[in-house]
C-alpha atoms as a PDB file:
ATOM      1  CA  UNK A   1       0.000   0.000   0.000  1.00  0.00           C
ATOM      2  CA  UNK A   2       1.341   3.394  -0.921  1.00  0.00           C
ATOM      3  CA  UNK A   3       2.067   5.870   1.838  1.00  0.00           C
ATOM      4  CA  UNK A   4      -0.488   8.344   0.441  1.00  0.00           C
ATOM      5  CA  UNK A   5      -3.268   5.758   0.400  1.00  0.00           C
ATOM      6  CA  UNK A   6      -2.322   4.556   3.869  1.00  0.00           C
ATOM      7  CA  UNK A   7      -2.434   8.101   5.275  1.00  0.00           C
ATOM      8  CA  UNK A   8      -5.771   8.824   3.612  1.00  0.00           C
ATOM      9  CA  UNK A   9      -7.248   5.584   4.927  1.00  0.00           C
ATOM     10  CA  UNK A  10      -5.975   6.282   8.445  1.00  0.00           C
ATOM     11  CA  UNK A  11      -7.426   9.809   8.335  1.00  0.00           C
ATOM     12  CA  UNK A  12     -10.774   8.446   7.147  1.00  0.00           C
ATOM     13  CA  UNK A  13     -10.890   5.826   9.913  1.00  0.00           C
ATOM     14  CA  UNK A  14     -10.109   8.439  12.570  1.00  0.00           C
ATOM     15  CA  UNK A  15     -12.786  10.783  11.198  1.00  0.00           C
ATOM     16  CA  UNK A  16     -15.364   7.980  11.390  1.00  0.00           C
ATOM     17  CA  UNK A  17     -14.221   7.168  14.937  1.00  0.00           C
ATOM     18  CA  UNK A  18     -14.687  10.824  15.894  1.00  0.00           C
ATOM     19  CA  UNK A  19     -18.231  10.753  14.509  1.00  0.00           C
ATOM     20  CA  UNK A  20     -19.063   7.535  16.336  1.00  0.00           C
ATOM     21  CA  UNK A  21     -17.556   8.767  19.575  1.00  0.00           C
ATOM     22  CA  UNK A  22     -19.957  11.691  19.633  1.00  0.00           C
ATOM     23  CA  UNK A  23     -20.185  13.333  23.044  1.00  0.00           C
ATOM     24  CA  UNK A  24     -17.867  10.888  24.812  1.00  0.00           C
ATOM     25  CA  UNK A  25     -14.564  12.215  26.051  1.00  0.00           C
ATOM     26  CA  UNK A  26     -11.508  10.707  24.412  1.00  0.00           C
ATOM     27  CA  UNK A  27     -10.525   9.005  27.678  1.00  0.00           C
ATOM     28  CA  UNK A  28     -13.942   7.285  27.842  1.00  0.00           C
ATOM     29  CA  UNK A  29     -13.798   5.944  24.292  1.00  0.00           C
ATOM     30  CA  UNK A  30     -12.009   2.710  25.200  1.00  0.00           C
ATOM     31  CA  UNK A  31     -14.519   1.951  27.938  1.00  0.00           C
ATOM     32  CA  UNK A  32     -17.328   2.202  25.391  1.00  0.00           C
ATOM     33  CA  UNK A  33     -15.827   0.414  22.385  1.00  0.00           C
ATOM     34  CA  UNK A  34     -14.098  -2.478  24.165  1.00  0.00           C
ATOM     35  CA  UNK A  35     -17.291  -4.039  25.608  1.00  0.00           C
ATOM     36  CA  UNK A  36     -19.038  -3.820  22.242  1.00  0.00           C
ATOM     37  CA  UNK A  37     -16.039  -5.427  20.553  1.00  0.00           C
ATOM     38  CA  UNK A  38     -16.047  -8.212  23.121  1.00  0.00           C
ATOM     39  CA  UNK A  39     -19.785  -8.793  22.709  1.00  0.00           C
ATOM     40  CA  UNK A  40     -19.438  -8.972  18.932  1.00  0.00           C
ATOM     41  CA  UNK A  41     -16.597 -11.473  19.232  1.00  0.00           C
ATOM     42  CA  UNK A  42     -18.606 -13.645  21.613  1.00  0.00           C
ATOM     43  CA  UNK A  43     -21.572 -13.488  19.262  1.00  0.00           C
ATOM     44  CA  UNK A  44     -19.399 -14.710  16.392  1.00  0.00           C
ATOM     45  CA  UNK A  45     -17.808 -17.514  18.416  1.00  0.00           C
ATOM     46  CA  UNK A  46     -20.904 -18.757  20.226  1.00  0.00           C
ATOM     47  CA  UNK A  47     -23.529 -18.073  17.578  1.00  0.00           C
ATOM     48  CA  UNK A  48     -25.207 -20.759  15.549  1.00  0.00           C
ATOM     49  CA  UNK A  49     -23.647 -21.338  12.146  1.00  0.00           C
ATOM     50  CA  UNK A  50     -25.635 -20.079   9.195  1.00  0.00           C
ATOM     51  CA  UNK A  51     -27.171 -22.689   6.920  1.00  0.00           C
ATOM     52  CA  UNK A  52     -25.322 -23.070   3.651  1.00  0.00           C
ATOM     53  CA  UNK A  53     -27.301 -22.896   0.439  1.00  0.00           C
END
């Protein structure tokens, strides 16, 4: 990946994170995102497999 593309992608990801963070302080962000990440991971691991068609 070129350096320009990498920098643009990183800037885009941070801008989306800022939008999602909303009114939370930057120090609170980890306390909000980490539980949701953990729940999503557990859902993927423990969830029923989808039927294959």
